[in-house]
Amino acid sequence: MKTTIDIAEPLLKQVRQLAAERNTTIRAIVETALRDALAKQERRRRRFRLDTHTFKGNGLQAGLSWDDWSVVRSMAYEGRGG
């Protein structure tokens, strides 16, 4: 599909130079840049998921919740100046 976009002349000059150095086309440079930008955006959208691991135990102490990190953090640093 063809489309028209306006690119600032200094940027276009840099893209032409890069395409020549890589022996490729401006189209390939622009498509790669757009794919990279979209992939980066998608990674940002993905919700962070913390893998939970326990060692010699059964998870959090009774009364604690993974959603209440302020309490978990204060207990983890208790007596350590945190």
Protein backbone atom coordinates (compact mmCIF):
# COMPACT_ATOMS: atom_id res chain seq x y z
CA MET A 1 0.00 0.00 0.00
CA LYS A 2 1.26 3.45 -0.78
CA THR A 3 0.89 6.52 1.38
CA THR A 4 2.46 9.94 1.62
CA ILE A 5 4.12 11.34 4.72
CA ASP A 6 5.88 14.63 5.34
CA ILE A 7 9.38 14.24 6.76
CA ALA A 8 11.57 17.13 7.82
CA GLU A 9 14.33 17.66 5.27
CA PRO A 10 17.23 17.16 7.74
CA LEU A 11 15.72 13.85 8.91
CA LEU A 12 15.12 12.69 5.35
CA LYS A 13 18.72 13.50 4.52
CA GLN A 14 19.89 11.32 7.43
CA VAL A 15 17.59 8.48 6.38
CA ARG A 16 18.87 8.63 2.79
CA GLN A 17 22.44 8.49 4.06
CA LEU A 18 21.65 5.55 6.37
CA ALA A 19 19.90 3.68 3.56
CA ALA A 20 22.91 4.19 1.30
CA GLU A 21 25.31 3.00 4.01
CA ARG A 22 23.22 -0.13 4.59
CA ASN A 23 22.62 -0.67 0.88
CA THR A 24 18.86 -0.69 1.45
CA THR A 25 15.87 1.53 0.74
CA ILE A 26 14.29 4.38 2.64
CA ARG A 27 11.13 2.29 2.72
CA ALA A 28 12.95 -0.54 4.52
CA ILE A 29 14.45 1.90 7.05
CA VAL A 30 11.05 3.49 7.77
CA GLU A 31 9.26 0.13 8.04
CA THR A 32 11.88 -1.20 10.44
CA ALA A 33 11.67 1.94 12.58
CA LEU A 34 7.87 1.74 12.69
CA ARG A 35 7.93 -1.96 13.62
CA ASP A 36 10.44 -1.26 16.39
CA ALA A 37 8.36 1.64 17.74
CA LEU A 38 5.17 -0.46 17.74
CA ALA A 39 6.92 -3.41 19.42
CA LYS A 40 8.32 -1.09 22.09
CA GLN A 41 4.85 0.34 22.72
CA GLU A 42 3.40 -3.18 23.01
CA ARG A 43 6.03 -4.15 25.58
CA ARG A 44 5.09 -1.07 27.63
CA ARG A 45 1.40 -2.03 27.49
CA ARG A 46 1.97 -5.51 28.81
CA ARG A 47 1.24 -5.62 32.47
CA PHE A 48 4.17 -6.53 34.66
CA ARG A 49 3.71 -9.89 36.35
CA LEU A 50 5.92 -10.77 39.27
CA ASP A 51 6.76 -14.44 39.53
CA THR A 52 6.29 -15.51 43.11
CA HIS A 53 8.73 -17.87 44.72
CA THR A 54 8.89 -19.16 48.24
CA PHE A 55 11.77 -20.78 50.03
CA LYS A 56 11.15 -23.22 52.84
CA GLY A 57 7.69 -21.84 53.37
CA ASN A 58 4.18 -21.54 52.11
CA GLY A 59 4.14 -18.02 50.69
CA LEU A 60 3.24 -14.83 52.49
CA GLN A 61 2.51 -14.77 56.17
CA ALA A 62 -1.12 -14.88 57.20
CA GLY A 63 -2.79 -11.50 56.87
CA LEU A 64 -0.45 -10.22 54.12
CA SER A 65 -1.43 -9.61 50.52
CA TRP A 66 0.61 -9.35 47.31
CA ASP A 67 -1.39 -6.18 46.60
CA ASP A 68 -0.14 -4.41 49.75
CA TRP A 69 3.56 -3.94 49.09
CA SER A 70 4.01 -1.14 51.62
CA VAL A 71 3.43 -3.62 54.48
CA VAL A 72 5.52 -6.37 52.83
CA ARG A 73 8.38 -3.92 52.22
CA SER A 74 8.34 -2.52 55.74
CA MET A 75 8.48 -6.05 57.16
CA ALA A 76 11.32 -7.03 54.81
CA TYR A 77 13.42 -4.06 55.93
CA GLU A 78 12.38 -4.15 59.57
CA GLY A 79 15.43 -3.57 61.77
CA ARG A 80 17.65 -2.83 58.76
CA GLY A 81 17.28 0.93 58.57
CA GLY A 82 14.83 0.77 55.63
